[in-house]
Amino acid sequence: MRAIDAGFILCHECHQLNRQAASSGKQYCSRCGGLLHARRPNSLARTWALLLTAAILYIPANLLPIMTVNSLGKGQSDTIMSGVVELMNHGMLPIAAVVFIASILVPTFKLVGIALLLYSVQRHQPMSAKQRILMYRFIEWIGRWSMLDIFVIAILVTVVNFGALASIEPGMGAVAFASVVILTMLAALTFDPRLIWDNTESEDDHE
């Protein structure tokens, strides 16, 4: 049984269970005073908007240079994928694998995973609530690792700054990639996981 069926509303700010008021007016949390909603307003529309924006920015994030290394007057620009290939050519396979997973696989999984989650909820696809909630929790957990490239670039730009001898500059690809990561994290936050249980047709999924 869902909390709403028992007459309770969960505060999304402090997670306090509040008994649903009989009146249809606005209701506030008894603990933190936050405005209560049975479900987040326009959750699916907002999540789709953030997801589609992230998907559009994902193209320049992979095509544009993510950083430029200047050494003795010569500059070399690298995209995410060319950086992975360069690491492999220098024999740094573990680092190349970490960058590939964090910067290519994780963002792609998040985009596809959130899209599948939204589609399955909206279209009542034959996917159990347990499968959906596990996917949602994994997407939330794995999102933080997508910022690995941005952290590395930020550190390199600060540390490697020797004027004409050597320097590292961030590229537009880094801006696009950081935007993709932030937008996908916001998409996971705006999605209301309670909708998963609302769209469950099987009684077994509520057990």
N, C-alpha and C. Protein backbone atom coordinates (compact mmCIF):
# COMPACT_ATOMS: atom_id res chain seq x y z
N MET A 1 0.84 -1.20 0.00
CA MET A 1 0.00 0.00 0.00
C MET A 1 0.88 1.25 0.00
N ARG A 2 0.50 2.25 -0.80
CA ARG A 2 1.22 3.50 -0.85
C ARG A 2 0.82 4.40 0.32
N ALA A 3 1.71 5.32 0.69
CA ALA A 3 1.41 6.24 1.80
C ALA A 3 0.19 7.09 1.49
N ILE A 4 0.06 7.51 0.22
CA ILE A 4 -1.06 8.37 -0.15
C ILE A 4 -2.40 7.64 -0.01
N ASP A 5 -2.38 6.31 -0.21
CA ASP A 5 -3.60 5.53 -0.05
C ASP A 5 -4.02 5.46 1.42
N ALA A 6 -3.03 5.58 2.31
CA ALA A 6 -3.32 5.54 3.75
C ALA A 6 -3.59 6.93 4.31
N GLY A 7 -3.59 7.95 3.43
CA GLY A 7 -3.88 9.32 3.88
C GLY A 7 -2.68 10.10 4.35
N PHE A 8 -1.47 9.74 3.88
CA PHE A 8 -0.26 10.45 4.28
C PHE A 8 0.42 11.05 3.06
N ILE A 9 1.12 12.15 3.27
CA ILE A 9 1.91 12.81 2.24
C ILE A 9 3.34 12.95 2.75
N LEU A 10 4.30 12.58 1.92
CA LEU A 10 5.71 12.67 2.32
C LEU A 10 6.26 14.05 1.95
N CYS A 11 6.90 14.70 2.91
CA CYS A 11 7.57 15.97 2.64
C CYS A 11 8.86 15.66 1.90
N HIS A 12 9.06 16.30 0.75
CA HIS A 12 10.25 16.00 -0.03
C HIS A 12 11.48 16.74 0.50
N GLU A 13 11.28 17.66 1.43
CA GLU A 13 12.41 18.40 1.98
C GLU A 13 13.04 17.66 3.16
N CYS A 14 12.21 17.25 4.14
CA CYS A 14 12.75 16.60 5.35
C CYS A 14 12.28 15.15 5.51
N HIS A 15 11.46 14.67 4.54
CA HIS A 15 10.98 13.28 4.52
C HIS A 15 10.08 12.93 5.71
N GLN A 16 9.40 13.93 6.25
CA GLN A 16 8.43 13.70 7.31
C GLN A 16 7.10 13.27 6.70
N LEU A 17 6.48 12.24 7.28
CA LEU A 17 5.16 11.82 6.85
C LEU A 17 4.11 12.70 7.51
N ASN A 18 3.26 13.32 6.69
CA ASN A 18 2.21 14.20 7.20
C ASN A 18 0.85 13.63 6.81
N ARG A 19 -0.08 13.69 7.74
CA ARG A 19 -1.43 13.23 7.42
C ARG A 19 -2.08 14.22 6.47
N GLN A 20 -2.66 13.69 5.41
CA GLN A 20 -3.27 14.53 4.38
C GLN A 20 -4.50 15.26 4.94
N ALA A 21 -4.55 16.58 4.71
CA ALA A 21 -5.66 17.38 5.20
C ALA A 21 -6.92 17.10 4.39
N ALA A 22 -8.06 17.28 5.04
CA ALA A 22 -9.34 17.03 4.37
C ALA A 22 -9.62 18.07 3.31
N SER A 23 -9.19 19.32 3.55
CA SER A 23 -9.42 20.40 2.58
C SER A 23 -8.47 20.25 1.40
N SER A 24 -8.85 20.85 0.29
CA SER A 24 -8.06 20.75 -0.94
C SER A 24 -7.07 21.91 -1.10
N GLY A 25 -6.95 22.76 -0.07
CA GLY A 25 -6.02 23.89 -0.14
C GLY A 25 -4.58 23.46 0.06
N LYS A 26 -3.70 24.47 0.13
CA LYS A 26 -2.28 24.18 0.32
C LYS A 26 -2.03 23.61 1.71
N GLN A 27 -1.09 22.68 1.78
CA GLN A 27 -0.75 22.06 3.05
C GLN A 27 0.76 22.13 3.24
N TYR A 28 1.18 22.38 4.49
CA TYR A 28 2.60 22.54 4.78
C TYR A 28 3.06 21.48 5.77
N CYS A 29 4.36 21.15 5.68
CA CYS A 29 4.94 20.11 6.52
C CYS A 29 4.90 20.53 7.99
N SER A 30 4.55 19.60 8.85
CA SER A 30 4.48 19.88 10.28
C SER A 30 5.86 20.04 10.91
N ARG A 31 6.91 19.54 10.23
CA ARG A 31 8.26 19.63 10.78
C ARG A 31 9.02 20.83 10.24
N CYS A 32 9.14 20.95 8.91
CA CYS A 32 9.99 22.00 8.33
C CYS A 32 9.19 23.15 7.72
N GLY A 33 7.88 22.98 7.57
CA GLY A 33 7.07 24.05 7.01
C GLY A 33 7.07 24.11 5.50
N GLY A 34 7.67 23.13 4.86
CA GLY A 34 7.71 23.11 3.40
C GLY A 34 6.36 22.79 2.80
N LEU A 35 6.13 23.31 1.58
CA LEU A 35 4.86 23.06 0.89
C LEU A 35 4.79 21.60 0.47
N LEU A 36 3.69 20.95 0.77
CA LEU A 36 3.52 19.53 0.48
C LEU A 36 2.81 19.33 -0.86
N HIS A 37 3.25 18.32 -1.58
CA HIS A 37 2.61 17.91 -2.82
C HIS A 37 2.48 16.39 -2.80
N ALA A 38 1.33 15.90 -3.20
CA ALA A 38 1.18 14.45 -3.31
C ALA A 38 2.20 13.91 -4.30
N ARG A 39 2.41 14.65 -5.38
CA ARG A 39 3.44 14.35 -6.37
C ARG A 39 4.04 15.67 -6.84
N ARG A 40 5.30 15.68 -7.20
CA ARG A 40 5.95 16.91 -7.66
C ARG A 40 5.22 17.47 -8.89
N PRO A 41 4.88 18.75 -8.89
CA PRO A 41 4.19 19.34 -10.05
C PRO A 41 5.07 19.29 -11.30
N ASN A 42 4.48 18.82 -12.41
CA ASN A 42 5.15 18.79 -13.72
C ASN A 42 6.50 18.06 -13.68
N SER A 43 6.57 17.02 -12.88
CA SER A 43 7.83 16.29 -12.73
C SER A 43 8.32 15.71 -14.06
N LEU A 44 7.44 15.03 -14.78
CA LEU A 44 7.84 14.39 -16.04
C LEU A 44 8.25 15.41 -17.09
N ALA A 45 7.49 16.50 -17.20
CA ALA A 45 7.79 17.52 -18.21
C ALA A 45 9.14 18.18 -17.94
N ARG A 46 9.41 18.49 -16.68
CA ARG A 46 10.68 19.12 -16.32
C ARG A 46 11.85 18.16 -16.55
N THR A 47 11.65 16.90 -16.20
CA THR A 47 12.72 15.92 -16.39
C THR A 47 13.02 15.71 -17.86
N TRP A 48 11.98 15.62 -18.69
CA TRP A 48 12.17 15.50 -20.14
C TRP A 48 12.92 16.72 -20.70
N ALA A 49 12.56 17.92 -20.25
CA ALA A 49 13.20 19.14 -20.74
C ALA A 49 14.69 19.15 -20.42
N LEU A 50 15.03 18.80 -19.18
CA LEU A 50 16.43 18.75 -18.78
C LEU A 50 17.18 17.65 -19.53
N LEU A 51 16.54 16.51 -19.71
CA LEU A 51 17.17 15.38 -20.38
C LEU A 51 17.45 15.68 -21.85
N LEU A 52 16.49 16.28 -22.54
CA LEU A 52 16.67 16.60 -23.96
C LEU A 52 17.75 17.67 -24.14
N THR A 53 17.81 18.64 -23.25
CA THR A 53 18.86 19.65 -23.31
C THR A 53 20.23 19.02 -23.11
N ALA A 54 20.32 18.09 -22.15
CA ALA A 54 21.57 17.38 -21.92
C ALA A 54 21.97 16.54 -23.12
N ALA A 55 20.99 15.90 -23.77
CA ALA A 55 21.28 15.07 -24.95
C ALA A 55 21.81 15.92 -26.11
N ILE A 56 21.27 17.13 -26.26
CA ILE A 56 21.75 18.03 -27.32
C ILE A 56 23.18 18.48 -27.03
N LEU A 57 23.47 18.83 -25.78
CA LEU A 57 24.81 19.29 -25.41
C LEU A 57 25.83 18.14 -25.40
N TYR A 58 25.34 16.91 -25.34
CA TYR A 58 26.24 15.76 -25.33
C TYR A 58 27.02 15.63 -26.65
N ILE A 59 26.43 16.15 -27.74
CA ILE A 59 27.11 16.10 -29.04
C ILE A 59 28.35 17.00 -29.07
N PRO A 60 28.23 18.32 -28.78
CA PRO A 60 29.46 19.14 -28.74
C PRO A 60 30.41 18.74 -27.62
N ALA A 61 29.88 18.15 -26.55
CA ALA A 61 30.75 17.72 -25.45
C ALA A 61 31.75 16.66 -25.91
N ASN A 62 31.36 15.86 -26.91
CA ASN A 62 32.25 14.81 -27.42
C ASN A 62 33.00 15.21 -28.69
N LEU A 63 32.49 16.22 -29.40
CA LEU A 63 33.13 16.63 -30.65
C LEU A 63 34.13 17.77 -30.47
N LEU A 64 33.85 18.67 -29.53
CA LEU A 64 34.74 19.82 -29.30
C LEU A 64 35.89 19.44 -28.39
N PRO A 65 37.03 20.13 -28.52
CA PRO A 65 38.18 19.85 -27.63
C PRO A 65 37.83 20.12 -26.19
N ILE A 66 38.20 19.19 -25.33
CA ILE A 66 37.92 19.36 -23.90
C ILE A 66 39.06 20.11 -23.21
N MET A 67 40.27 20.03 -23.79
CA MET A 67 41.37 20.84 -23.28
C MET A 67 42.47 20.93 -24.35
N THR A 68 43.30 21.97 -24.20
CA THR A 68 44.42 22.21 -25.12
C THR A 68 45.71 22.28 -24.32
N VAL A 69 46.67 21.45 -24.68
CA VAL A 69 47.97 21.43 -24.00
C VAL A 69 48.97 22.21 -24.85
N ASN A 70 49.50 23.30 -24.30
CA ASN A 70 50.50 24.12 -24.98
C ASN A 70 51.87 23.82 -24.41
N SER A 71 52.80 23.46 -25.30
CA SER A 71 54.16 23.15 -24.87
C SER A 71 55.15 23.72 -25.88
N LEU A 72 56.01 24.64 -25.42
CA LEU A 72 57.04 25.27 -26.26
C LEU A 72 56.43 25.91 -27.51
N GLY A 73 55.33 26.57 -27.32
CA GLY A 73 54.71 27.29 -28.42
C GLY A 73 53.80 26.46 -29.30
N LYS A 74 53.72 25.17 -29.06
CA LYS A 74 52.86 24.30 -29.85
C LYS A 74 51.69 23.82 -29.00
N GLY A 75 50.49 23.84 -29.60
CA GLY A 75 49.31 23.42 -28.88
C GLY A 75 48.68 22.17 -29.47
N GLN A 76 48.22 21.30 -28.62
CA GLN A 76 47.52 20.09 -29.04
C GLN A 76 46.18 20.01 -28.33
N SER A 77 45.11 19.99 -29.13
CA SER A 77 43.76 19.92 -28.57
C SER A 77 43.27 18.48 -28.60
N ASP A 78 42.58 18.10 -27.53
CA ASP A 78 42.07 16.73 -27.43
C ASP A 78 40.60 16.74 -27.03
N THR A 79 39.83 15.88 -27.70
CA THR A 79 38.46 15.61 -27.26
C THR A 79 38.53 14.53 -26.19
N ILE A 80 37.39 14.17 -25.64
CA ILE A 80 37.39 13.12 -24.62
C ILE A 80 37.92 11.81 -25.20
N MET A 81 37.42 11.45 -26.37
CA MET A 81 37.81 10.16 -26.97
C MET A 81 39.26 10.16 -27.42
N SER A 82 39.71 11.27 -28.01
CA SER A 82 41.11 11.32 -28.46
C SER A 82 42.05 11.30 -27.25
N GLY A 83 41.59 11.86 -26.13
CA GLY A 83 42.39 11.78 -24.91
C GLY A 83 42.52 10.35 -24.40
N VAL A 84 41.43 9.59 -24.51
CA VAL A 84 41.46 8.18 -24.12
C VAL A 84 42.44 7.40 -25.01
N VAL A 85 42.37 7.67 -26.30
CA VAL A 85 43.28 6.99 -27.26
C VAL A 85 44.72 7.36 -26.97
N GLU A 86 44.96 8.64 -26.65
CA GLU A 86 46.32 9.10 -26.35
C GLU A 86 46.86 8.40 -25.10
N LEU A 87 46.02 8.24 -24.10
CA LEU A 87 46.45 7.53 -22.89
C LEU A 87 46.78 6.08 -23.18
N MET A 88 45.97 5.45 -24.04
CA MET A 88 46.23 4.06 -24.42
C MET A 88 47.53 3.94 -25.18
N ASN A 89 47.81 4.89 -26.06
CA ASN A 89 49.06 4.85 -26.84
C ASN A 89 50.29 5.00 -25.96
N HIS A 90 50.12 5.67 -24.82
CA HIS A 90 51.25 5.84 -23.89
C HIS A 90 51.31 4.72 -22.85
N GLY A 91 50.47 3.70 -23.03
CA GLY A 91 50.51 2.55 -22.13
C GLY A 91 49.80 2.73 -20.82
N MET A 92 49.02 3.81 -20.68
CA MET A 92 48.30 4.06 -19.41
C MET A 92 46.88 3.53 -19.52
N LEU A 93 46.77 2.22 -19.64
CA LEU A 93 45.47 1.58 -19.86
C LEU A 93 44.51 1.75 -18.69
N PRO A 94 44.97 1.60 -17.42
CA PRO A 94 44.02 1.78 -16.31
C PRO A 94 43.40 3.18 -16.28
N ILE A 95 44.24 4.20 -16.50
CA ILE A 95 43.73 5.58 -16.50
C ILE A 95 42.79 5.79 -17.68
N ALA A 96 43.15 5.23 -18.83
CA ALA A 96 42.30 5.35 -20.02
C ALA A 96 40.94 4.69 -19.78
N ALA A 97 40.96 3.55 -19.09
CA ALA A 97 39.71 2.85 -18.78
C ALA A 97 38.83 3.67 -17.84
N VAL A 98 39.46 4.29 -16.81
CA VAL A 98 38.70 5.12 -15.87
C VAL A 98 38.08 6.31 -16.57
N VAL A 99 38.85 6.99 -17.42
CA VAL A 99 38.34 8.16 -18.16
C VAL A 99 37.22 7.75 -19.11
N PHE A 100 37.40 6.61 -19.78
CA PHE A 100 36.38 6.14 -20.73
C PHE A 100 35.07 5.81 -20.01
N ILE A 101 35.20 5.13 -18.87
CA ILE A 101 33.98 4.75 -18.13
C ILE A 101 33.29 5.98 -17.56
N ALA A 102 34.08 6.88 -16.93
CA ALA A 102 33.51 8.05 -16.26
C ALA A 102 32.99 9.09 -17.23
N SER A 103 33.64 9.23 -18.38
CA SER A 103 33.30 10.33 -19.29
C SER A 103 32.48 9.90 -20.51
N ILE A 104 32.48 8.62 -20.83
CA ILE A 104 31.73 8.15 -22.00
C ILE A 104 30.58 7.24 -21.57
N LEU A 105 30.90 6.16 -20.85
CA LEU A 105 29.88 5.19 -20.50
C LEU A 105 28.85 5.74 -19.50
N VAL A 106 29.33 6.40 -18.44
CA VAL A 106 28.42 6.88 -17.40
C VAL A 106 27.42 7.91 -17.92
N PRO A 107 27.86 8.97 -18.63
CA PRO A 107 26.87 9.92 -19.16
C PRO A 107 25.90 9.29 -20.14
N THR A 108 26.41 8.37 -20.97
CA THR A 108 25.52 7.69 -21.93
C THR A 108 24.49 6.84 -21.20
N PHE A 109 24.93 6.11 -20.18
CA PHE A 109 24.01 5.29 -19.40
C PHE A 109 22.95 6.15 -18.72
N LYS A 110 23.38 7.30 -18.18
CA LYS A 110 22.43 8.18 -17.50
C LYS A 110 21.38 8.72 -18.47
N LEU A 111 21.80 9.14 -19.65
CA LEU A 111 20.86 9.66 -20.64
C LEU A 111 19.86 8.59 -21.06
N VAL A 112 20.38 7.41 -21.39
CA VAL A 112 19.52 6.31 -21.83
C VAL A 112 18.65 5.81 -20.68
N GLY A 113 19.25 5.69 -19.48
CA GLY A 113 18.53 5.17 -18.32
C GLY A 113 17.36 6.06 -17.91
N ILE A 114 17.59 7.37 -17.84
CA ILE A 114 16.51 8.29 -17.46
C ILE A 114 15.42 8.30 -18.52
N ALA A 115 15.83 8.25 -19.81
CA ALA A 115 14.84 8.22 -20.89
C ALA A 115 13.97 6.96 -20.81
N LEU A 116 14.59 5.82 -20.55
CA LEU A 116 13.83 4.57 -20.41
C LEU A 116 12.90 4.61 -19.21
N LEU A 117 13.38 5.22 -18.13
CA LEU A 117 12.58 5.35 -16.91
C LEU A 117 11.34 6.20 -17.17
N LEU A 118 11.55 7.33 -17.84
CA LEU A 118 10.43 8.22 -18.16
C LEU A 118 9.44 7.55 -19.10
N TYR A 119 9.98 6.88 -20.11
CA TYR A 119 9.12 6.23 -21.11
C TYR A 119 8.30 5.10 -20.47
N SER A 120 8.95 4.31 -19.61
CA SER A 120 8.26 3.19 -18.99
C SER A 120 7.15 3.66 -18.05
N VAL A 121 7.38 4.80 -17.37
CA VAL A 121 6.37 5.35 -16.47
C VAL A 121 5.20 5.92 -17.25
N GLN A 122 5.51 6.65 -18.32
CA GLN A 122 4.46 7.31 -19.10
C GLN A 122 3.64 6.32 -19.91
N ARG A 123 4.29 5.31 -20.45
CA ARG A 123 3.62 4.38 -21.36
C ARG A 123 3.22 3.07 -20.69
N HIS A 124 3.43 2.96 -19.38
CA HIS A 124 3.06 1.74 -18.64
C HIS A 124 3.67 0.49 -19.28
N GLN A 125 4.98 0.58 -19.55
CA GLN A 125 5.67 -0.56 -20.15
C GLN A 125 5.82 -1.70 -19.14
N PRO A 126 5.91 -2.94 -19.65
CA PRO A 126 6.02 -4.10 -18.75
C PRO A 126 7.38 -4.18 -18.07
N MET A 127 7.59 -3.29 -17.11
CA MET A 127 8.83 -3.25 -16.36
C MET A 127 8.44 -3.09 -14.89
N SER A 128 8.90 -3.98 -14.04
CA SER A 128 8.44 -3.97 -12.66
C SER A 128 8.92 -2.72 -11.92
N ALA A 129 8.17 -2.37 -10.87
CA ALA A 129 8.54 -1.20 -10.07
C ALA A 129 9.90 -1.39 -9.41
N LYS A 130 10.22 -2.62 -9.02
CA LYS A 130 11.51 -2.90 -8.39
C LYS A 130 12.65 -2.64 -9.36
N GLN A 131 12.47 -3.03 -10.62
CA GLN A 131 13.49 -2.78 -11.63
C GLN A 131 13.66 -1.28 -11.86
N ARG A 132 12.54 -0.56 -11.90
CA ARG A 132 12.60 0.88 -12.13
C ARG A 132 13.29 1.61 -10.99
N ILE A 133 12.95 1.24 -9.76
CA ILE A 133 13.53 1.95 -8.61
C ILE A 133 15.00 1.63 -8.46
N LEU A 134 15.42 0.41 -8.79
CA LEU A 134 16.84 0.07 -8.76
C LEU A 134 17.61 0.87 -9.81
N MET A 135 17.02 1.02 -10.99
CA MET A 135 17.64 1.82 -12.04
C MET A 135 17.76 3.28 -11.60
N TYR A 136 16.69 3.80 -10.98
CA TYR A 136 16.69 5.19 -10.53
C TYR A 136 17.77 5.42 -9.47
N ARG A 137 17.87 4.53 -8.50
CA ARG A 137 18.87 4.68 -7.44
C ARG A 137 20.29 4.57 -7.98
N PHE A 138 20.48 3.68 -8.96
CA PHE A 138 21.81 3.53 -9.56
C PHE A 138 22.19 4.79 -10.34
N ILE A 139 21.23 5.38 -11.05
CA ILE A 139 21.48 6.62 -11.80
C ILE A 139 21.85 7.75 -10.84
N GLU A 140 21.15 7.84 -9.72
CA GLU A 140 21.46 8.86 -8.72
C GLU A 140 22.86 8.66 -8.15
N TRP A 141 23.21 7.41 -7.86
CA TRP A 141 24.50 7.12 -7.23
C TRP A 141 25.67 7.34 -8.19
N ILE A 142 25.51 6.95 -9.43
CA ILE A 142 26.62 6.98 -10.38
C ILE A 142 26.86 8.37 -10.95
N GLY A 143 25.90 9.28 -10.79
CA GLY A 143 26.02 10.61 -11.38
C GLY A 143 27.24 11.39 -10.95
N ARG A 144 27.64 11.26 -9.70
CA ARG A 144 28.75 12.05 -9.16
C ARG A 144 30.08 11.74 -9.86
N TRP A 145 30.22 10.52 -10.40
CA TRP A 145 31.49 10.12 -11.02
C TRP A 145 31.68 10.74 -12.39
N SER A 146 30.64 11.32 -12.97
CA SER A 146 30.74 11.93 -14.29
C SER A 146 31.60 13.19 -14.27
N MET A 147 31.79 13.77 -13.10
CA MET A 147 32.56 15.01 -13.00
C MET A 147 34.07 14.78 -12.92
N LEU A 148 34.50 13.55 -13.06
CA LEU A 148 35.93 13.22 -12.92
C LEU A 148 36.79 14.02 -13.89
N ASP A 149 36.40 14.05 -15.16
CA ASP A 149 37.16 14.77 -16.17
C ASP A 149 37.28 16.25 -15.84
N ILE A 150 36.17 16.84 -15.40
CA ILE A 150 36.16 18.27 -15.09
C ILE A 150 37.09 18.57 -13.92
N PHE A 151 37.09 17.72 -12.90
CA PHE A 151 37.99 17.91 -11.77
C PHE A 151 39.45 17.81 -12.19
N VAL A 152 39.75 16.82 -13.05
CA VAL A 152 41.13 16.64 -13.53
C VAL A 152 41.58 17.86 -14.32
N ILE A 153 40.73 18.37 -15.21
CA ILE A 153 41.08 19.55 -16.02
C ILE A 153 41.28 20.77 -15.13
N ALA A 154 40.40 20.95 -14.14
CA ALA A 154 40.53 22.09 -13.22
C ALA A 154 41.86 22.05 -12.48
N ILE A 155 42.27 20.86 -12.04
CA ILE A 155 43.54 20.71 -11.33
C ILE A 155 44.72 20.98 -12.27
N LEU A 156 44.66 20.43 -13.49
CA LEU A 156 45.76 20.61 -14.44
C LEU A 156 45.92 22.07 -14.85
N VAL A 157 44.78 22.76 -15.07
CA VAL A 157 44.84 24.17 -15.46
C VAL A 157 45.51 25.00 -14.36
N THR A 158 45.25 24.64 -13.10
CA THR A 158 45.82 25.37 -11.97
C THR A 158 47.30 25.04 -11.77
N VAL A 159 47.64 23.76 -11.89
CA VAL A 159 49.00 23.32 -11.58
C VAL A 159 49.96 23.58 -12.74
N VAL A 160 49.54 23.24 -13.97
CA VAL A 160 50.43 23.37 -15.13
C VAL A 160 50.24 24.74 -15.76
N ASN A 161 51.02 25.70 -15.29
CA ASN A 161 50.95 27.06 -15.83
C ASN A 161 52.34 27.67 -15.78
N PHE A 162 53.13 27.38 -16.82
CA PHE A 162 54.51 27.85 -16.90
C PHE A 162 54.72 28.80 -18.07
N GLY A 163 53.70 29.58 -18.37
CA GLY A 163 53.80 30.58 -19.43
C GLY A 163 54.01 29.95 -20.79
N ALA A 164 55.06 30.39 -21.50
CA ALA A 164 55.33 29.90 -22.86
C ALA A 164 55.88 28.48 -22.85
N LEU A 165 56.41 28.03 -21.72
CA LEU A 165 56.99 26.69 -21.67
C LEU A 165 55.90 25.62 -21.73
N ALA A 166 54.92 25.73 -20.87
CA ALA A 166 53.84 24.73 -20.85
C ALA A 166 52.63 25.31 -20.12
N SER A 167 51.47 25.02 -20.66
CA SER A 167 50.22 25.45 -20.02
C SER A 167 49.08 24.59 -20.56
N ILE A 168 48.02 24.53 -19.80
CA ILE A 168 46.83 23.76 -20.20
C ILE A 168 45.62 24.68 -20.12
N GLU A 169 44.84 24.69 -21.18
CA GLU A 169 43.65 25.54 -21.24
C GLU A 169 42.41 24.67 -21.44
N PRO A 170 41.34 24.93 -20.70
CA PRO A 170 40.09 24.18 -20.94
C PRO A 170 39.45 24.59 -22.25
N GLY A 171 38.81 23.64 -22.92
CA GLY A 171 38.14 23.91 -24.18
C GLY A 171 36.63 24.00 -24.01
N MET A 172 35.95 24.34 -25.10
CA MET A 172 34.50 24.46 -25.06
C MET A 172 33.84 23.11 -24.80
N GLY A 173 34.55 22.04 -25.15
CA GLY A 173 34.03 20.71 -24.88
C GLY A 173 33.86 20.46 -23.40
N ALA A 174 34.75 21.05 -22.58
CA ALA A 174 34.66 20.90 -21.13
C ALA A 174 33.42 21.59 -20.59
N VAL A 175 33.11 22.77 -21.15
CA VAL A 175 31.91 23.51 -20.72
C VAL A 175 30.65 22.71 -21.07
N ALA A 176 30.63 22.18 -22.30
CA ALA A 176 29.47 21.39 -22.73
C ALA A 176 29.33 20.12 -21.90
N PHE A 177 30.46 19.48 -21.60
CA PHE A 177 30.42 18.24 -20.83
C PHE A 177 29.95 18.50 -19.40
N ALA A 178 30.46 19.57 -18.77
CA ALA A 178 30.03 19.92 -17.42
C ALA A 178 28.53 20.23 -17.40
N SER A 179 28.04 20.87 -18.46
CA SER A 179 26.61 21.17 -18.56
C SER A 179 25.79 19.89 -18.65
N VAL A 180 26.29 18.91 -19.41
CA VAL A 180 25.60 17.62 -19.54
C VAL A 180 25.50 16.94 -18.18
N VAL A 181 26.60 16.93 -17.44
CA VAL A 181 26.62 16.28 -16.13
C VAL A 181 25.64 16.95 -15.17
N ILE A 182 25.67 18.28 -15.13
CA ILE A 182 24.79 19.03 -14.22
C ILE A 182 23.32 18.82 -14.60
N LEU A 183 23.03 18.87 -15.90
CA LEU A 183 21.64 18.71 -16.35
C LEU A 183 21.10 17.32 -16.06
N THR A 184 21.93 16.29 -16.24
CA THR A 184 21.46 14.92 -15.95
C THR A 184 21.26 14.72 -14.44
N MET A 185 22.10 15.37 -13.63
CA MET A 185 21.91 15.29 -12.18
C MET A 185 20.61 16.00 -11.77
N LEU A 186 20.34 17.14 -12.39
CA LEU A 186 19.09 17.85 -12.11
C LEU A 186 17.88 17.06 -12.60
N ALA A 187 18.05 16.36 -13.75
CA ALA A 187 16.95 15.54 -14.27
C ALA A 187 16.60 14.42 -13.30
N ALA A 188 17.63 13.81 -12.70
CA ALA A 188 17.38 12.76 -11.71
C ALA A 188 16.71 13.32 -10.46
N LEU A 189 17.01 14.58 -10.12
CA LEU A 189 16.42 15.20 -8.93
C LEU A 189 14.98 15.63 -9.16
N THR A 190 14.68 16.10 -10.38
CA THR A 190 13.32 16.57 -10.66
C THR A 190 12.34 15.42 -10.89
N PHE A 191 12.87 14.25 -11.24
CA PHE A 191 11.99 13.09 -11.42
C PHE A 191 11.47 12.64 -10.06
N ASP A 192 10.17 12.47 -9.95
CA ASP A 192 9.54 12.03 -8.71
C ASP A 192 9.46 10.50 -8.72
N PRO A 193 10.28 9.81 -7.90
CA PRO A 193 10.29 8.34 -7.92
C PRO A 193 8.97 7.72 -7.47
N ARG A 194 8.11 8.51 -6.80
CA ARG A 194 6.82 7.99 -6.38
C ARG A 194 5.92 7.67 -7.57
N LEU A 195 6.22 8.30 -8.73
CA LEU A 195 5.46 8.01 -9.94
C LEU A 195 5.67 6.56 -10.40
N ILE A 196 6.80 5.99 -10.01
CA ILE A 196 7.09 4.59 -10.38
C ILE A 196 6.02 3.67 -9.79
N TRP A 197 5.66 3.91 -8.53
CA TRP A 197 4.68 3.06 -7.87
C TRP A 197 3.26 3.37 -8.34
N ASP A 198 3.02 4.61 -8.76
CA ASP A 198 1.70 4.96 -9.30
C ASP A 198 1.41 4.23 -10.59
N ASN A 199 2.48 3.92 -11.33
CA ASN A 199 2.31 3.30 -12.64
C ASN A 199 2.54 1.81 -12.63
N THR A 200 2.52 1.21 -11.45
CA THR A 200 2.71 -0.22 -11.33
C THR A 200 1.37 -0.93 -11.45
N GLU A 201 1.29 -1.81 -12.41
CA GLU A 201 0.03 -2.52 -12.64
C GLU A 201 -0.04 -3.82 -11.85
N SER A 202 1.14 -4.37 -11.50
CA SER A 202 1.15 -5.66 -10.81
C SER A 202 1.03 -5.46 -9.31
N GLU A 203 0.20 -6.22 -8.67
CA GLU A 203 0.04 -6.13 -7.23
C GLU A 203 1.29 -6.60 -6.50
N ASP A 204 2.06 -7.48 -7.15
CA ASP A 204 3.26 -8.01 -6.50
C ASP A 204 4.31 -6.95 -6.30
N ASP A 205 4.29 -5.89 -7.15
CA ASP A 205 5.31 -4.86 -7.06
C ASP A 205 5.14 -3.96 -5.85
N HIS A 206 3.97 -4.03 -5.20
CA HIS A 206 3.76 -3.18 -4.04
C HIS A 206 4.11 -3.88 -2.75
N GLU A 207 4.48 -5.12 -2.84
CA GLU A 207 4.79 -5.87 -1.63
C GLU A 207 6.17 -5.50 -1.11
